[in-house]
């Protein structure tokens, strides 16, 4: 900000003054006469030292430390480095460190883009991918694997940046063997990163965390649970899981799932039911706003018991050009969900019951069952207990609402429920795929 210097000029005011010229015989100065002090402001431009100080105070984005320059580029001046980048002289991982060196010289991404034609996004990709490649070299990765990334490998290596050094080596080898593109490498990295957090999920112990293919296969296996059984989408997801799986145990689980069997026991010896007729899905942050179509359903609290489930509105439709939602009667709680396949069939009678945790579900409790609230979507138009492997919303012995398996209800002679369970929804959770843990900085 420019500084302002104030100059004070003492100028006695006389009635004999005209056009700023004093008369030859001004009146004598009186100490009692008030003195007016006109102020003139002079704007002085900031000095060069002030400009340098201000530049030092500006926010500077984090720049990773530059990789060592290849010997053939170390003696180049700034103009020479820009020329190498503009003409792409050499392999991408050889000239990528020149970008970091220009950052150190005070160049900004837009300035480099103007001089070389390399966009800011591509600059970041090249710098990060070169560092990923350096970590592969330090991990003594097979030279044949490294050579695969010599041409166009920056896009592939950039996608596995979130993995640790050992995970990168395994993922790079898997990407080469299976000829993955950038999207395939992105999915692989996310699957490897996400796998430890899924401990306790169905058949998790059958997949080998050390094998990237098993991590990717488990991701597709989990996705298959979000679709109705049977359905083409579920079969397609399981087939993808079978195509990429590496270990025999995991392959057997997927094969039995495709054939409609059960997976038996997991690594802890507990019985697992892999064929679950009810999809369990986690709602993603922003998923509702991005959905092309949605459903609006009335919500009941589990502690309000049977009465509210029976009284909840049966019909909810959209009317007019603006799709105004109209219900048959007033209700205090509603939820908006994406129009997933399991809820597409809900015409009239759909209702959602909110439970404080997932221990009401009739299968083996995982750790998250005690930590997360859930929404159980039920179809009140289908109350008959028809399928042994179906799940139904019923009233427990103490009057509480719970979910029961059809076979258990038939054993007790129960023929009618409050509704057939169509979907279980887990709450949104902050994504942490793009966060790197401390132990990953290898």
Protein backbone atom coordinates (compact mmCIF):
# COMPACT_ATOMS: atom_id res chain seq x y z
CA UNK A 1 0.00 0.00 0.00
CA UNK A 2 1.54 3.42 -0.94
CA UNK A 3 2.65 5.56 1.99
CA UNK A 4 1.26 9.06 2.54
CA UNK A 5 3.40 11.97 3.79
CA UNK A 6 1.60 15.01 5.17
CA UNK A 7 3.20 18.44 4.70
CA UNK A 8 2.00 21.14 7.09
CA UNK A 9 2.22 24.73 5.81
CA UNK A 10 1.66 27.56 8.34
CA UNK A 11 0.05 30.43 6.45
CA UNK A 12 -1.47 33.37 8.32
CA UNK A 13 -4.73 34.49 6.82
CA UNK A 14 -5.12 38.20 6.22
CA UNK A 15 -8.09 40.13 4.97
CA UNK A 16 -5.62 42.02 2.75
CA UNK A 17 -4.60 38.87 0.92
CA UNK A 18 -5.68 38.63 -2.69
CA UNK A 19 -4.83 35.82 -5.07
CA UNK A 20 -2.35 34.48 -2.54
CA UNK A 21 -0.32 37.74 -2.64
CA UNK A 22 0.22 39.68 0.54
CA UNK A 23 -0.24 43.46 0.70
CA UNK A 24 2.72 45.66 1.36
CA UNK A 25 1.42 46.66 4.79
CA UNK A 26 -0.07 43.58 6.48
CA UNK A 27 -1.50 43.98 9.98
CA UNK A 28 0.73 42.96 12.86
CA UNK A 29 0.57 39.35 13.97
CA UNK A 30 -1.65 38.78 17.00
CA UNK A 31 -1.00 35.76 19.26
CA UNK A 32 -4.72 35.61 19.98
CA UNK A 33 -5.72 35.30 16.35
CA UNK A 34 -6.61 31.65 15.47
CA UNK A 35 -4.26 30.12 12.94
CA UNK A 36 -5.76 27.87 10.24
CA UNK A 37 -3.46 25.15 8.89
CA UNK A 38 -4.24 24.01 5.36
CA UNK A 39 -3.05 20.45 4.67
CA UNK A 40 -1.65 19.23 1.41
CA UNK A 41 -1.18 15.47 0.88
CA UNK A 42 1.61 14.17 -1.33
CA UNK A 43 1.51 10.51 -2.45
CA UNK A 44 4.98 9.05 -2.56
CA UNK A 45 5.37 5.83 -4.56
CA UNK A 46 6.61 2.81 -2.55
CA UNK A 47 10.30 2.13 -2.59
CA UNK A 48 11.82 -0.98 -4.13
CA UNK A 49 12.62 -2.34 -0.66
CA UNK A 50 8.94 -1.98 0.30
CA UNK A 51 7.89 -3.86 -2.85
CA UNK A 52 10.32 -6.67 -2.06
CA UNK A 53 8.92 -6.93 1.48
CA UNK A 54 5.37 -7.14 0.17
CA UNK A 55 6.32 -9.87 -2.29
CA UNK A 56 7.87 -11.85 0.52
CA UNK A 57 4.59 -11.64 2.46
CA UNK A 58 2.48 -13.05 -0.39
CA UNK A 59 1.18 -16.62 0.04
CA UNK A 60 3.28 -19.12 -1.84
CA UNK A 61 1.77 -22.57 -2.62
CA UNK A 62 3.69 -25.62 -1.48
CA UNK A 63 6.20 -26.84 -4.00
CA UNK A 64 7.78 -30.27 -3.55
CA UNK A 65 11.56 -30.26 -3.45
CA UNK A 66 12.97 -30.62 -6.96
CA UNK A 67 14.33 -33.95 -8.09
CA UNK A 68 18.03 -34.06 -8.96
CA UNK A 69 18.61 -32.82 -12.48
CA UNK A 70 20.03 -35.32 -14.97
CA UNK A 71 23.73 -34.69 -15.67
CA UNK A 72 23.09 -33.44 -19.21
CA UNK A 73 20.79 -30.67 -17.94
CA UNK A 74 22.71 -29.49 -14.88
CA UNK A 75 24.76 -26.82 -16.65
CA UNK A 76 21.85 -25.27 -18.52
CA UNK A 77 20.81 -21.71 -17.79
CA UNK A 78 17.17 -20.67 -17.48
CA UNK A 79 16.78 -20.08 -21.22
CA UNK A 80 18.24 -23.51 -21.93
CA UNK A 81 15.86 -25.23 -19.53
CA UNK A 82 12.86 -23.50 -21.07
CA UNK A 83 14.03 -24.56 -24.52
CA UNK A 84 14.31 -28.20 -23.41
CA UNK A 85 10.79 -28.13 -21.98
CA UNK A 86 9.31 -26.36 -25.00
CA UNK A 87 10.79 -28.91 -27.40
CA UNK A 88 10.44 -31.94 -25.08
CA UNK A 89 14.07 -32.86 -25.58
CA UNK A 90 14.55 -36.25 -23.96
CA UNK A 91 12.31 -38.58 -21.98
CA UNK A 92 9.54 -37.05 -19.86
CA UNK A 93 11.04 -38.07 -16.52
CA UNK A 94 14.39 -36.53 -17.53
CA UNK A 95 13.09 -33.04 -18.26
CA UNK A 96 10.32 -33.06 -15.61
CA UNK A 97 12.75 -31.93 -12.83
CA UNK A 98 13.46 -28.82 -14.90
CA UNK A 99 9.95 -27.61 -14.02
CA UNK A 100 10.72 -27.75 -10.29
CA UNK A 101 14.02 -25.96 -10.87
CA UNK A 102 12.16 -23.13 -12.64
CA UNK A 103 9.79 -22.90 -9.68
CA UNK A 104 12.84 -22.39 -7.50
CA UNK A 105 13.95 -19.59 -9.80
CA UNK A 106 10.68 -17.76 -9.18
CA UNK A 107 8.69 -18.86 -12.23
CA UNK A 108 4.98 -19.48 -11.76
CA UNK A 109 2.98 -22.21 -13.58
CA UNK A 110 1.27 -19.66 -15.90
CA UNK A 111 4.64 -18.16 -16.82
CA UNK A 112 6.08 -21.58 -17.63
CA UNK A 113 2.97 -22.40 -19.65
CA UNK A 114 3.43 -19.25 -21.75
CA UNK A 115 7.08 -20.06 -22.37
CA UNK A 116 6.83 -23.81 -22.99
CA UNK A 117 3.22 -24.62 -23.84
CA UNK A 118 2.96 -27.07 -20.92
CA UNK A 119 -0.22 -26.39 -18.93
CA UNK A 120 -0.20 -26.03 -15.16
CA UNK A 121 -2.04 -29.34 -14.77
CA UNK A 122 0.48 -31.13 -16.96
CA UNK A 123 3.37 -29.52 -15.07
CA UNK A 124 2.06 -30.92 -11.81
CA UNK A 125 1.49 -34.34 -13.37
CA UNK A 126 5.05 -34.48 -14.75
CA UNK A 127 6.67 -33.38 -11.48
CA UNK A 128 4.68 -35.81 -9.32
CA UNK A 129 5.02 -38.72 -11.76
CA UNK A 130 8.81 -38.21 -11.90
CA UNK A 131 8.96 -38.44 -8.11
CA UNK A 132 6.84 -41.61 -8.18
CA UNK A 133 9.24 -43.07 -10.74
CA UNK A 134 12.22 -42.13 -8.54
CA UNK A 135 10.63 -44.06 -5.66
CA UNK A 136 10.24 -47.09 -7.95
CA UNK A 137 13.91 -46.88 -8.86
CA UNK A 138 14.87 -46.70 -5.18
CA UNK A 139 12.62 -49.74 -4.52
CA UNK A 140 14.67 -51.64 -7.11
CA UNK A 141 11.71 -52.24 -9.39
CA UNK A 142 12.33 -54.48 -12.39
CA UNK A 143 13.90 -52.41 -15.23
CA UNK A 144 11.43 -53.94 -17.68
CA UNK A 145 8.58 -52.54 -15.60
CA UNK A 146 10.22 -49.11 -15.48
CA UNK A 147 10.83 -49.04 -19.22
CA UNK A 148 7.10 -49.53 -19.81
CA UNK A 149 6.54 -46.02 -18.44
CA UNK A 150 9.19 -44.33 -20.58
CA UNK A 151 6.61 -43.26 -23.16
CA UNK A 152 3.40 -41.71 -21.87
CA UNK A 153 3.95 -43.15 -18.42
CA UNK A 154 3.43 -39.90 -16.53
CA UNK A 155 -0.36 -40.23 -16.60
CA UNK A 156 -0.18 -43.78 -15.23
CA UNK A 157 2.37 -43.16 -12.48
CA UNK A 158 0.58 -40.00 -11.36
CA UNK A 159 -2.49 -42.06 -10.44
CA UNK A 160 -0.59 -44.24 -7.94
CA UNK A 161 0.94 -41.28 -6.11
CA UNK A 162 -1.16 -41.89 -2.97
CA UNK A 163 0.34 -45.32 -2.34
CA UNK A 164 3.38 -46.09 -0.23
CA UNK A 165 6.67 -47.02 -1.93
CA UNK A 166 6.10 -50.77 -1.57
CA UNK A 167 2.51 -50.48 -2.77
CA UNK A 168 3.63 -48.41 -5.77
CA UNK A 169 6.05 -51.11 -6.86
CA UNK A 170 3.37 -53.81 -6.73
CA UNK A 171 0.78 -51.58 -8.38
CA UNK A 172 3.17 -50.56 -11.18
CA UNK A 173 3.99 -54.19 -11.93
CA UNK A 174 0.29 -55.10 -11.96
CA UNK A 175 -0.50 -52.15 -14.26
CA UNK A 176 2.17 -53.27 -16.73
CA UNK A 177 1.10 -56.91 -16.70
CA UNK A 178 -2.56 -56.02 -17.23
CA UNK A 179 -1.97 -53.02 -19.52
CA UNK A 180 -4.07 -50.65 -17.42
CA UNK A 181 -4.90 -47.16 -18.65
CA UNK A 182 -4.99 -44.06 -16.43
CA UNK A 183 -8.53 -44.80 -15.21
CA UNK A 184 -7.54 -48.39 -14.43
CA UNK A 185 -4.53 -47.18 -12.43
CA UNK A 186 -6.75 -44.72 -10.55
CA UNK A 187 -9.22 -47.47 -9.63
CA UNK A 188 -6.36 -49.74 -8.60
CA UNK A 189 -4.82 -47.10 -6.32
CA UNK A 190 -8.15 -46.36 -4.67
CA UNK A 191 -8.85 -50.06 -4.15
CA UNK A 192 -5.45 -50.65 -2.52
CA UNK A 193 -5.85 -47.56 -0.32
CA UNK A 194 -9.39 -48.46 0.70
CA UNK A 195 -8.86 -52.17 1.40
CA UNK A 196 -7.60 -51.92 5.04
CA UNK A 197 -10.58 -49.78 6.01
CA UNK A 198 -12.96 -52.53 4.87
CA UNK A 199 -11.83 -55.01 7.49
CA UNK A 200 -14.87 -56.80 8.82
CA UNK A 201 -16.84 -56.61 5.58
CA UNK A 202 -18.19 -59.80 4.06
CA UNK A 203 -15.40 -62.18 2.90
CA UNK A 204 -12.70 -59.54 3.52
CA UNK A 205 -10.37 -62.15 4.98
CA UNK A 206 -10.45 -64.20 1.77
CA UNK A 207 -8.73 -61.45 -0.25
CA UNK A 208 -4.97 -60.93 -0.02
CA UNK A 209 -4.01 -57.32 0.76
CA UNK A 210 -0.48 -57.79 -0.61
CA UNK A 211 -1.84 -58.55 -4.10
CA UNK A 212 -3.11 -55.46 -5.97
CA UNK A 213 -5.41 -57.65 -8.07
CA UNK A 214 -7.17 -58.92 -4.95
CA UNK A 215 -7.70 -55.36 -3.70
CA UNK A 216 -9.21 -54.36 -7.03
CA UNK A 217 -11.28 -57.53 -7.12
CA UNK A 218 -12.63 -56.85 -3.62
CA UNK A 219 -13.75 -53.40 -4.74
CA UNK A 220 -15.81 -54.92 -7.58
CA UNK A 221 -17.05 -57.64 -5.22
CA UNK A 222 -18.32 -54.99 -2.81
CA UNK A 223 -19.98 -53.10 -5.65
CA UNK A 224 -21.88 -56.24 -6.63
CA UNK A 225 -23.61 -56.11 -3.23
CA UNK A 226 -25.27 -52.85 -4.21
CA UNK A 227 -27.35 -54.52 -6.91
CA UNK A 228 -30.39 -56.73 -6.73
CA UNK A 229 -29.81 -60.49 -6.87
CA UNK A 230 -30.18 -61.63 -9.56
CA UNK A 231 -29.49 -58.74 -11.93
CA UNK A 232 -27.25 -58.03 -14.90
CA UNK A 233 -25.38 -55.29 -13.01
CA UNK A 234 -24.55 -57.64 -10.14
CA UNK A 235 -23.32 -60.35 -12.50
CA UNK A 236 -21.22 -57.83 -14.44
CA UNK A 237 -19.56 -56.56 -11.24
CA UNK A 238 -18.78 -60.11 -10.10
CA UNK A 239 -17.36 -60.94 -13.52
CA UNK A 240 -15.04 -57.92 -13.29
CA UNK A 241 -13.96 -59.12 -9.85
CA UNK A 242 -13.24 -62.58 -11.26
CA UNK A 243 -11.23 -61.16 -14.18
CA UNK A 244 -8.75 -59.28 -11.96
CA UNK A 245 -8.51 -61.53 -8.88
CA UNK A 246 -5.14 -63.15 -8.13
CA UNK A 247 -5.47 -65.43 -5.09
CA UNK A 248 -7.26 -68.80 -5.18
CA UNK A 249 -9.27 -68.18 -2.00
CA UNK A 250 -10.73 -64.95 -3.34
CA UNK A 251 -11.41 -66.58 -6.69
CA UNK A 252 -13.39 -69.34 -4.98
CA UNK A 253 -15.51 -66.78 -3.12
CA UNK A 254 -16.39 -64.93 -6.32
CA UNK A 255 -17.07 -68.14 -8.24
CA UNK A 256 -19.47 -69.38 -5.56
CA UNK A 257 -21.16 -65.98 -5.57
CA UNK A 258 -21.64 -66.17 -9.33
CA UNK A 259 -23.06 -69.65 -8.98
CA UNK A 260 -25.41 -68.52 -6.20
CA UNK A 261 -23.58 -70.40 -3.43
CA UNK A 262 -22.30 -69.32 -0.06
CA UNK A 263 -18.79 -68.50 1.02
CA UNK A 264 -18.78 -70.62 4.16
CA UNK A 265 -16.48 -69.17 6.81
CA UNK A 266 -14.06 -66.29 6.83
CA UNK A 267 -10.56 -66.24 8.25
CA UNK A 268 -11.92 -65.91 11.78
CA UNK A 269 -14.09 -69.02 11.43
CA UNK A 270 -17.37 -67.11 11.63
CA UNK A 271 -20.20 -68.05 9.35
CA UNK A 272 -20.70 -65.59 6.53
CA UNK A 273 -23.67 -65.25 4.27
CA UNK A 274 -22.36 -63.87 1.01
CA UNK A 275 -25.65 -64.02 -0.83
CA UNK A 276 -27.56 -61.21 0.83
CA UNK A 277 -30.79 -60.25 -0.87
CA UNK A 278 -30.63 -56.75 0.61
CA UNK A 279 -28.04 -54.31 -0.79
CA UNK A 280 -26.13 -52.31 1.83
CA UNK A 281 -24.87 -49.07 0.31
CA UNK A 282 -23.15 -45.97 1.64
CA UNK A 283 -24.58 -42.67 0.51
CA UNK A 284 -21.85 -40.45 -0.91
CA UNK A 285 -21.54 -36.76 -0.16
CA UNK A 286 -23.20 -34.84 -2.99
CA UNK A 287 -24.65 -37.99 -4.55
CA UNK A 288 -28.24 -36.79 -4.17
CA UNK A 289 -27.50 -33.44 -5.84
CA UNK A 290 -25.77 -35.18 -8.75
CA UNK A 291 -28.51 -37.79 -9.28
CA UNK A 292 -30.63 -37.35 -12.40
CA UNK A 293 -33.71 -38.72 -10.60
CA UNK A 294 -34.48 -39.10 -6.90
CA UNK A 295 -37.14 -40.57 -4.62
CA UNK A 296 -38.71 -38.89 -1.58
CA UNK A 297 -39.77 -41.23 1.22
CA UNK A 298 -41.31 -40.68 4.67
CA UNK A 299 -39.05 -41.45 7.63
CA UNK A 300 -39.98 -43.07 10.96
CA UNK A 301 -37.77 -43.37 14.01
CA UNK A 302 -37.23 -46.88 15.30
CA UNK A 303 -38.16 -45.84 18.85
CA UNK A 304 -41.58 -44.71 17.63
CA UNK A 305 -42.33 -48.36 16.96
CA UNK A 306 -45.10 -49.87 14.84
CA UNK A 307 -47.64 -47.05 15.03
CA UNK A 308 -45.71 -44.54 12.92
CA UNK A 309 -44.81 -47.13 10.29
CA UNK A 310 -48.49 -47.83 9.77
CA UNK A 311 -49.46 -44.14 9.76
CA UNK A 312 -46.73 -42.89 7.40
CA UNK A 313 -47.99 -41.61 4.00
CA UNK A 314 -48.37 -44.30 1.39
CA UNK A 315 -48.33 -42.16 -1.71
CA UNK A 316 -45.88 -39.42 -2.72
CA UNK A 317 -45.84 -38.12 -6.29
CA UNK A 318 -44.61 -35.17 -8.34
CA UNK A 319 -47.01 -32.86 -10.13
CA UNK A 320 -46.81 -30.09 -12.72
CA UNK A 321 -44.01 -28.77 -14.88
CA UNK A 322 -41.79 -28.18 -11.85
CA UNK A 323 -42.26 -31.65 -10.34
CA UNK A 324 -43.72 -30.36 -7.09
CA UNK A 325 -43.78 -33.20 -4.56
CA UNK A 326 -47.24 -33.94 -3.18
CA UNK A 327 -48.04 -36.41 -0.40
CA UNK A 328 -51.44 -37.77 0.54
CA UNK A 329 -51.08 -36.26 4.02
CA UNK A 330 -48.68 -34.25 6.12
CA UNK A 331 -45.58 -35.81 7.68
CA UNK A 332 -42.73 -34.35 9.71
CA UNK A 333 -39.68 -36.26 8.42
CA UNK A 334 -38.66 -37.09 4.87
CA UNK A 335 -35.50 -38.28 3.14
CA UNK A 336 -34.33 -37.83 -0.45
CA UNK A 337 -32.39 -40.74 -1.96
CA UNK A 338 -30.97 -41.34 -5.44
CA UNK A 339 -33.24 -43.51 -7.55
CA UNK A 340 -31.16 -46.64 -7.03
CA UNK A 341 -32.40 -49.84 -8.62
CA UNK A 342 -33.68 -51.39 -5.34
CA UNK A 343 -36.00 -48.40 -4.77
CA UNK A 344 -37.19 -48.07 -8.36
CA UNK A 345 -39.87 -50.69 -7.71
CA UNK A 346 -41.25 -48.80 -4.72
CA UNK A 347 -44.49 -47.33 -6.01
CA UNK A 348 -46.83 -46.83 -3.07
CA UNK A 349 -46.06 -47.94 0.46
CA UNK A 350 -42.34 -47.19 0.65
CA UNK A 351 -41.13 -46.14 4.09
CA UNK A 352 -37.77 -45.53 5.75
CA UNK A 353 -36.99 -46.49 9.35
CA UNK A 354 -34.02 -44.75 11.01
CA UNK A 355 -32.03 -46.91 13.46
CA UNK A 356 -29.33 -45.56 15.76
CA UNK A 357 -27.00 -48.42 14.81
CA UNK A 358 -26.95 -51.53 12.60
CA UNK A 359 -27.22 -54.22 15.25
CA UNK A 360 -30.84 -54.77 14.24
CA UNK A 361 -29.65 -56.43 11.03
CA UNK A 362 -29.82 -60.24 11.17
CA UNK A 363 -26.31 -61.00 10.01
CA UNK A 364 -22.92 -60.99 11.67
CA UNK A 365 -22.16 -57.64 13.30
CA UNK A 366 -19.06 -55.83 12.08
CA UNK A 367 -17.33 -53.00 13.93
CA UNK A 368 -19.18 -50.30 12.00
CA UNK A 369 -22.52 -51.77 13.11
CA UNK A 370 -21.95 -50.19 16.53
CA UNK A 371 -20.67 -46.86 15.21
CA UNK A 372 -23.03 -45.79 12.43
CA UNK A 373 -26.73 -45.07 12.14
CA UNK A 374 -28.58 -46.67 9.24
CA UNK A 375 -31.73 -46.22 7.21
CA UNK A 376 -33.79 -49.31 6.38
CA UNK A 377 -35.98 -48.88 3.29
CA UNK A 378 -39.03 -51.17 3.38
CA UNK A 379 -41.90 -51.85 0.98
CA UNK A 380 -45.17 -51.95 2.93
CA UNK A 381 -47.05 -53.20 -0.12
CA UNK A 382 -45.25 -56.53 0.25
CA UNK A 383 -45.99 -57.73 3.77
CA UNK A 384 -46.14 -61.47 3.18
CA UNK A 385 -43.20 -63.48 4.49
CA UNK A 386 -42.56 -65.34 1.24
CA UNK A 387 -38.81 -65.95 0.75
CA UNK A 388 -36.61 -67.79 3.22
CA UNK A 389 -33.61 -65.67 2.24
CA UNK A 390 -35.59 -62.40 2.21
CA UNK A 391 -35.53 -59.79 4.99
CA UNK A 392 -38.55 -58.24 6.63
CA UNK A 393 -39.34 -55.35 8.96
CA UNK A 394 -41.12 -56.75 12.02
CA UNK A 395 -42.01 -55.91 15.61
CA UNK A 396 -39.86 -57.64 18.22
CA UNK A 397 -41.01 -59.23 21.46
CA UNK A 398 -40.46 -55.97 23.34
CA UNK A 399 -42.37 -53.92 20.79
CA UNK A 400 -39.20 -52.62 19.13
CA UNK A 401 -38.72 -52.57 15.36
CA UNK A 402 -36.14 -54.94 13.90
CA UNK A 403 -35.17 -56.75 10.70
CA UNK A 404 -35.60 -60.53 10.53
CA UNK A 405 -34.72 -63.19 7.99
CA UNK A 406 -37.65 -64.92 6.31
CA UNK A 407 -36.56 -68.41 7.39
CA UNK A 408 -36.49 -67.39 11.06
CA UNK A 409 -39.96 -65.87 10.83
CA UNK A 410 -41.38 -68.99 9.18
CA UNK A 411 -39.97 -71.15 11.96
CA UNK A 412 -41.97 -69.07 14.45
CA UNK A 413 -45.06 -69.23 12.27
CA UNK A 414 -45.03 -65.55 11.33
CA UNK A 415 -46.69 -65.05 7.95
CA UNK A 416 -47.00 -61.27 7.74
CA UNK A 417 -44.56 -58.42 8.41
CA UNK A 418 -44.66 -54.64 8.32
CA UNK A 419 -42.92 -54.73 4.95
CA UNK A 420 -40.17 -56.33 2.86
CA UNK A 421 -36.75 -54.71 3.28
CA UNK A 422 -35.48 -53.38 -0.06
CA UNK A 423 -32.32 -51.49 0.90
CA UNK A 424 -30.05 -50.57 3.82
CA UNK A 425 -28.35 -47.16 3.59
CA UNK A 426 -25.23 -46.14 5.50
CA UNK A 427 -24.55 -42.42 6.15
CA UNK A 428 -22.19 -40.26 4.04
CA UNK A 429 -18.59 -40.14 5.14
CA UNK A 430 -15.76 -37.77 4.29
CA UNK A 431 -13.65 -39.26 1.55
CA UNK A 432 -10.03 -39.79 2.57
CA UNK A 433 -8.74 -41.36 -0.63
CA UNK A 434 -6.70 -38.26 -1.46
CA UNK A 435 -5.10 -38.03 1.98
CA UNK A 436 -1.73 -39.60 2.61
CA UNK A 437 -1.06 -41.10 6.02
CA UNK A 438 2.22 -40.49 7.79
CA UNK A 439 3.37 -44.05 7.33
CA UNK A 440 2.88 -43.71 3.55
CA UNK A 441 5.69 -41.19 3.19
CA UNK A 442 8.33 -43.73 2.24
